[in-house]
Amino acid sequence: MFGKINKFISEVTVELKKVAWTTRQELIDATVLVLISTGILGVFLWIGDTLCAQFLRLIIR
């Protein structure tokens, strides 16, 4: 059983060496892009929600 575990760990190590890891700067740029996109989408949804709520208030009255 321990032989299988050791084989698995060694195979995982070999595969992880093949991975093309992003640089620190690429990771920071991608994170900033995600945060900005999320903020813009959040503002867009907030404005849309507010407009829909106002429209529904006008209809209900």
N, C-alpha and C. Protein backbone atom coordinates (compact mmCIF):
# COMPACT_ATOMS: atom_id res chain seq x y z
N MET A 1 0.83 -1.19 0.00
CA MET A 1 0.00 0.00 0.00
C MET A 1 0.87 1.25 0.00
N PHE A 2 1.94 1.27 0.81
CA PHE A 2 2.80 2.45 0.87
C PHE A 2 3.54 2.65 -0.46
N GLY A 3 3.77 1.56 -1.17
CA GLY A 3 4.42 1.66 -2.48
C GLY A 3 3.54 2.43 -3.47
N LYS A 4 2.24 2.16 -3.42
CA LYS A 4 1.31 2.88 -4.30
C LYS A 4 1.25 4.36 -3.95
N ILE A 5 1.28 4.66 -2.67
CA ILE A 5 1.23 6.06 -2.23
C ILE A 5 2.50 6.78 -2.67
N ASN A 6 3.65 6.14 -2.49
CA ASN A 6 4.91 6.75 -2.91
C ASN A 6 4.95 6.96 -4.42
N LYS A 7 4.44 5.98 -5.17
CA LYS A 7 4.40 6.11 -6.63
C LYS A 7 3.50 7.28 -7.02
N PHE A 8 2.35 7.37 -6.38
CA PHE A 8 1.43 8.46 -6.68
C PHE A 8 2.07 9.81 -6.41
N ILE A 9 2.71 9.95 -5.27
CA ILE A 9 3.35 11.22 -4.90
C ILE A 9 4.47 11.57 -5.89
N SER A 10 5.24 10.59 -6.30
CA SER A 10 6.33 10.88 -7.24
C SER A 10 5.76 11.27 -8.61
N GLU A 11 4.67 10.64 -9.04
CA GLU A 11 4.05 10.99 -10.31
C GLU A 11 3.45 12.40 -10.26
N VAL A 12 2.86 12.75 -9.14
CA VAL A 12 2.31 14.10 -8.97
C VAL A 12 3.44 15.13 -9.03
N THR A 13 4.54 14.84 -8.38
CA THR A 13 5.70 15.74 -8.39
C THR A 13 6.21 15.95 -9.80
N VAL A 14 6.30 14.89 -10.58
CA VAL A 14 6.76 15.00 -11.97
C VAL A 14 5.80 15.86 -12.77
N GLU A 15 4.51 15.66 -12.61
CA GLU A 15 3.52 16.43 -13.36
C GLU A 15 3.53 17.90 -12.95
N LEU A 16 3.72 18.18 -11.67
CA LEU A 16 3.74 19.57 -11.22
C LEU A 16 4.95 20.32 -11.76
N LYS A 17 6.02 19.62 -12.07
CA LYS A 17 7.19 20.27 -12.67
C LYS A 17 6.91 20.70 -14.10
N LYS A 18 5.90 20.09 -14.74
CA LYS A 18 5.55 20.43 -16.12
C LYS A 18 4.60 21.63 -16.20
N VAL A 19 4.03 22.02 -15.09
CA VAL A 19 3.04 23.09 -15.07
C VAL A 19 3.71 24.43 -15.37
N ALA A 20 3.06 25.22 -16.21
CA ALA A 20 3.57 26.57 -16.50
C ALA A 20 2.94 27.53 -15.49
N TRP A 21 3.67 27.81 -14.41
CA TRP A 21 3.16 28.66 -13.36
C TRP A 21 3.19 30.12 -13.80
N THR A 22 2.21 30.89 -13.40
CA THR A 22 2.19 32.31 -13.73
C THR A 22 3.21 33.04 -12.86
N THR A 23 3.64 34.18 -13.39
CA THR A 23 4.56 34.99 -12.61
C THR A 23 3.76 35.78 -11.57
N ARG A 24 4.47 36.34 -10.63
CA ARG A 24 3.80 37.14 -9.58
C ARG A 24 3.06 38.32 -10.20
N GLN A 25 3.68 38.97 -11.19
CA GLN A 25 3.06 40.14 -11.82
C GLN A 25 1.81 39.74 -12.60
N GLU A 26 1.84 38.60 -13.29
CA GLU A 26 0.65 38.13 -14.01
C GLU A 26 -0.49 37.85 -13.04
N LEU A 27 -0.16 37.27 -11.90
CA LEU A 27 -1.17 36.97 -10.89
C LEU A 27 -1.78 38.25 -10.34
N ILE A 28 -0.95 39.25 -10.07
CA ILE A 28 -1.44 40.53 -9.56
C ILE A 28 -2.32 41.21 -10.60
N ASP A 29 -1.88 41.21 -11.87
CA ASP A 29 -2.67 41.83 -12.94
C ASP A 29 -4.03 41.15 -13.09
N ALA A 30 -4.04 39.83 -13.06
CA ALA A 30 -5.30 39.10 -13.19
C ALA A 30 -6.22 39.38 -12.01
N THR A 31 -5.67 39.47 -10.82
CA THR A 31 -6.47 39.75 -9.63
C THR A 31 -7.09 41.14 -9.71
N VAL A 32 -6.29 42.12 -10.12
CA VAL A 32 -6.81 43.48 -10.26
C VAL A 32 -7.91 43.52 -11.31
N LEU A 33 -7.71 42.82 -12.42
CA LEU A 33 -8.73 42.79 -13.46
C LEU A 33 -10.04 42.19 -12.95
N VAL A 34 -9.94 41.11 -12.19
CA VAL A 34 -11.14 40.48 -11.63
C VAL A 34 -11.83 41.42 -10.65
N LEU A 35 -11.07 42.10 -9.80
CA LEU A 35 -11.68 43.02 -8.83
C LEU A 35 -12.36 44.19 -9.52
N ILE A 36 -11.72 44.75 -10.54
CA ILE A 36 -12.33 45.87 -11.28
C ILE A 36 -13.58 45.40 -12.00
N SER A 37 -13.51 44.25 -12.67
CA SER A 37 -14.68 43.72 -13.38
C SER A 37 -15.83 43.45 -12.42
N THR A 38 -15.51 42.89 -11.27
CA THR A 38 -16.55 42.61 -10.28
C THR A 38 -17.18 43.91 -9.77
N GLY A 39 -16.36 44.92 -9.55
CA GLY A 39 -16.88 46.22 -9.11
C GLY A 39 -17.79 46.85 -10.14
N ILE A 40 -17.37 46.83 -11.42
CA ILE A 40 -18.19 47.41 -12.49
C ILE A 40 -19.51 46.65 -12.61
N LEU A 41 -19.45 45.33 -12.58
CA LEU A 41 -20.68 44.54 -12.66
C LEU A 41 -21.58 44.81 -11.46
N GLY A 42 -21.00 44.94 -10.28
CA GLY A 42 -21.79 45.23 -9.09
C GLY A 42 -22.50 46.57 -9.19
N VAL A 43 -21.80 47.59 -9.69
CA VAL A 43 -22.42 48.91 -9.85
C VAL A 43 -23.53 48.84 -10.89
N PHE A 44 -23.27 48.14 -12.00
CA PHE A 44 -24.29 47.99 -13.05
C PHE A 44 -25.54 47.31 -12.50
N LEU A 45 -25.36 46.23 -11.74
CA LEU A 45 -26.52 45.53 -11.17
C LEU A 45 -27.24 46.39 -10.13
N TRP A 46 -26.49 47.15 -9.35
CA TRP A 46 -27.10 48.02 -8.35
C TRP A 46 -27.97 49.09 -9.03
N ILE A 47 -27.44 49.70 -10.10
CA ILE A 47 -28.22 50.71 -10.83
C ILE A 47 -29.45 50.08 -11.46
N GLY A 48 -29.29 48.91 -12.07
CA GLY A 48 -30.43 48.22 -12.67
C GLY A 48 -31.48 47.86 -11.64
N ASP A 49 -31.06 47.39 -10.50
CA ASP A 49 -31.98 47.02 -9.43
C ASP A 49 -32.73 48.25 -8.92
N THR A 50 -32.01 49.35 -8.74
CA THR A 50 -32.63 50.58 -8.26
C THR A 50 -33.66 51.08 -9.26
N LEU A 51 -33.31 51.06 -10.55
CA LEU A 51 -34.26 51.51 -11.57
C LEU A 51 -35.50 50.62 -11.63
N CYS A 52 -35.29 49.31 -11.53
CA CYS A 52 -36.44 48.40 -11.54
C CYS A 52 -37.33 48.61 -10.31
N ALA A 53 -36.72 48.84 -9.16
CA ALA A 53 -37.50 49.07 -7.94
C ALA A 53 -38.32 50.36 -8.06
N GLN A 54 -37.71 51.41 -8.60
CA GLN A 54 -38.45 52.67 -8.80
C GLN A 54 -39.60 52.48 -9.77
N PHE A 55 -39.35 51.74 -10.86
CA PHE A 55 -40.40 51.50 -11.86
C PHE A 55 -41.54 50.70 -11.23
N LEU A 56 -41.23 49.71 -10.44
CA LEU A 56 -42.28 48.92 -9.80
C LEU A 56 -43.06 49.76 -8.78
N ARG A 57 -42.39 50.67 -8.09
CA ARG A 57 -43.10 51.55 -7.16
C ARG A 57 -44.10 52.43 -7.91
N LEU A 58 -43.72 52.90 -9.10
CA LEU A 58 -44.62 53.71 -9.90
C LEU A 58 -45.84 52.91 -10.36
N ILE A 59 -45.62 51.66 -10.72
CA ILE A 59 -46.71 50.81 -11.18
C ILE A 59 -47.67 50.48 -10.03
N ILE A 60 -47.12 50.19 -8.86
CA ILE A 60 -47.94 49.77 -7.72
C ILE A 60 -48.81 50.92 -7.23
N ARG A 61 -48.32 52.15 -7.31
CA ARG A 61 -49.12 53.27 -6.84
C ARG A 61 -50.29 53.44 -7.67
